[in-house]
Each structure stands twice: as C-alpha cells, then as structure tokens.
Protein backbone atom coordinates (compact mmCIF):
# COMPACT_ATOMS: atom_id res chain seq x y z
CA VAL A 1 111.04 107.75 103.80
CA ILE A 2 109.19 105.59 106.00
CA GLY A 3 107.06 103.00 104.36
CA GLY A 4 106.48 105.85 101.36
CA SER A 5 108.44 107.51 98.49
CA LEU A 6 110.97 110.37 98.61
CA ASN A 7 109.00 111.84 95.55
CA ILE A 8 107.83 115.59 97.33
CA GLY A 9 105.33 115.56 94.33
CA HIS A 10 104.14 112.39 95.01
CA ASN A 11 103.80 112.89 98.60
CA LEU A 12 102.50 116.55 98.15
CA LEU A 13 99.51 115.03 95.95
CA THR A 14 98.76 111.98 98.46
CA ALA A 15 98.82 114.80 101.38
CA LEU A 16 96.30 116.91 99.20
CA LEU A 17 93.79 114.04 98.26
CA LEU A 18 94.21 112.95 102.24
CA GLY A 19 93.37 116.03 103.23
CA ALA A 20 90.50 116.60 100.67
CA VAL A 21 88.63 113.13 101.86
CA PHE A 22 89.12 114.49 105.44
CA ILE A 23 87.72 118.23 105.03
CA LEU A 24 84.96 116.86 103.29
CA ILE A 25 84.18 114.50 106.58
CA PHE A 26 84.58 117.69 108.35
CA LEU A 27 82.04 119.67 106.00
CA ALA A 28 79.73 116.94 105.90
CA THR A 29 79.42 116.26 109.78
CA LYS A 30 79.26 120.37 110.35
CA GLY A 31 82.57 119.44 112.32
CA ARG A 32 81.03 117.62 114.85
CA GLY A 33 82.56 114.25 113.13
CA ILE A 34 86.06 115.27 113.31
CA GLY A 35 87.96 118.78 113.34
CA LEU A 36 90.03 120.95 111.12
CA GLY A 37 93.00 119.88 113.30
CA ASP A 38 92.61 116.57 112.47
CA VAL A 39 92.26 117.36 108.76
CA LYS A 40 95.73 119.51 109.00
CA LEU A 41 97.26 116.66 110.79
CA VAL A 42 95.95 114.35 108.29
CA PHE A 43 97.85 116.13 105.74
CA LEU A 44 101.14 116.61 107.58
CA LEU A 45 101.05 112.77 107.78
CA GLY A 46 99.95 111.88 103.92
CA PHE A 47 102.65 114.48 103.57
CA LEU A 48 105.69 112.81 105.37
CA PHE A 49 104.63 108.88 104.55
CA GLY A 50 103.11 109.33 101.45
CA PHE A 51 101.43 106.74 99.76
CA PRO A 52 101.02 104.01 100.86
CA GLY A 53 102.55 104.48 104.45
CA VAL A 54 99.51 106.85 105.11
CA LEU A 55 96.99 104.46 104.35
CA VAL A 56 98.43 102.25 107.18
CA VAL A 57 98.48 105.03 109.09
CA VAL A 58 94.79 106.09 109.19
CA TYR A 59 93.58 102.84 109.46
CA LEU A 60 95.54 101.36 112.20
CA SER A 61 93.87 104.96 113.61
CA LEU A 62 90.49 104.25 112.95
CA PHE A 63 90.80 100.65 114.62
CA ALA A 64 93.07 102.19 117.46
CA GLY A 65 90.30 104.93 117.83
CA MET A 66 87.25 102.13 117.95
CA ILE A 67 89.18 100.18 120.51
CA TRP A 68 89.88 103.31 122.35
CA GLY A 69 86.34 104.75 122.74
CA LEU A 70 85.04 101.09 123.27
CA ALA A 71 87.45 100.74 126.40
CA LEU A 72 86.13 104.17 127.46
CA ILE A 73 82.50 103.23 127.50
CA LEU A 74 82.79 99.64 129.17
CA PHE A 75 85.22 100.83 131.68
CA PHE A 76 84.98 104.21 132.37
CA GLY A 77 81.53 105.39 132.04
CA ALA A 78 81.45 107.19 128.73
CA SER A 79 78.68 107.13 126.63
CA MET A 80 78.03 106.93 122.62
CA LYS A 81 77.79 110.98 122.74
CA SER A 82 81.26 111.24 124.39
CA LYS A 83 83.84 112.83 122.46
CA VAL A 84 87.00 111.07 121.67
CA ALA A 85 90.53 113.11 120.65
CA PHE A 86 90.89 111.43 117.11
CA GLY A 87 94.22 113.56 116.63
CA PHE A 88 95.65 112.11 119.70
CA VAL A 89 95.14 108.63 118.43
CA LEU A 90 96.49 109.48 114.63
CA ALA A 91 99.82 110.72 116.11
CA ASN A 92 100.16 108.05 118.71
CA THR A 93 99.41 105.68 115.68
CA ALA A 94 102.07 107.56 113.55
CA VAL A 95 104.57 106.91 115.83
CA VAL A 96 103.75 103.44 116.02
CA PHE A 97 104.39 103.06 112.28
CA ILE A 98 107.67 104.99 112.48
CA LEU A 99 108.97 102.25 115.34
CA PHE A 100 107.40 99.31 113.40
CA SER A 101 107.30 100.11 109.78
CA LYS A 102 109.13 97.61 108.73
CA PHE A 103 106.80 95.33 109.79
CA LEU A 104 103.67 97.11 109.50
CA VAL A 105 103.81 98.04 105.71
CA PRO A 106 104.72 94.41 104.22
CA GLU A 107 102.04 92.84 106.93
CA PHE A 108 98.81 95.45 105.80
CA MET A 109 99.27 96.21 102.82
CA PRO A 110 97.59 92.89 101.06
CA TYR A 111 94.39 93.83 103.26
CA ILE A 112 94.17 97.53 102.54
CA PHE A 113 94.55 96.83 98.86
CA ARG A 114 91.83 94.39 98.92
CA LEU A 115 89.21 97.04 100.20
CA TYR A 116 89.63 98.66 97.28
CA LEU A 117 89.24 96.00 94.29
C-alpha cells in the first residue's frame, strides 16, 4: 500500500475519521464549502492510502487548491466568489502522491505531525 498500511481495519478507520471531518465541513457550510462528492472521494482516498499517506494527500491538495485559486484570480479574472472544484485537485494530488510517495512521505511527515504537537 502506498504511504499507508496493509491493515484493512486501520484503513477503514482512517477513511471513517477523515470522512467524518469532511462531512462536518459539508454540514457546517451547508454544501457551499465542499460538495458531497469531495466527502466520498476523501473517504475513498483514506481507505486506499491509510494513515499517514492520506494526510499528505489532503495537505498537498489544500496547498495546490490555494495556488490554483490564486492563479485563477490573478490571471484569468476569477473573483473570490468563484468556485474551484476541490475533487479535481484531490484526484490530481492523489496521482502525484502515487508517483512520488517514496519521496513525499518521508519529506512531509515531520512537518505535518508538528502541526498536531
């Protein structure tokens, strides 16, 4: 398994917890912050990558989405009210993670865990 564990129970628990976080965001923003498709995709990524791999994917997706949104505003005339498809960013980040997981997990995990200490 890429960046995670082979334990199906562990991966299912990771998927449930991450899905719960994203469903709370969905409910808190009444569907305006993220869509239900994003919740389903994060659940699937949590099950596929497990912990800690899915944390790398989510954090890189947030960063990539921010850069993409900024580029849309600066160069393509988008406004702060424009919608950015986060599922597209999540899927592309997952592909990048699959290709470069040997490098991404050891490099980013100390920084991600430092956020929680």
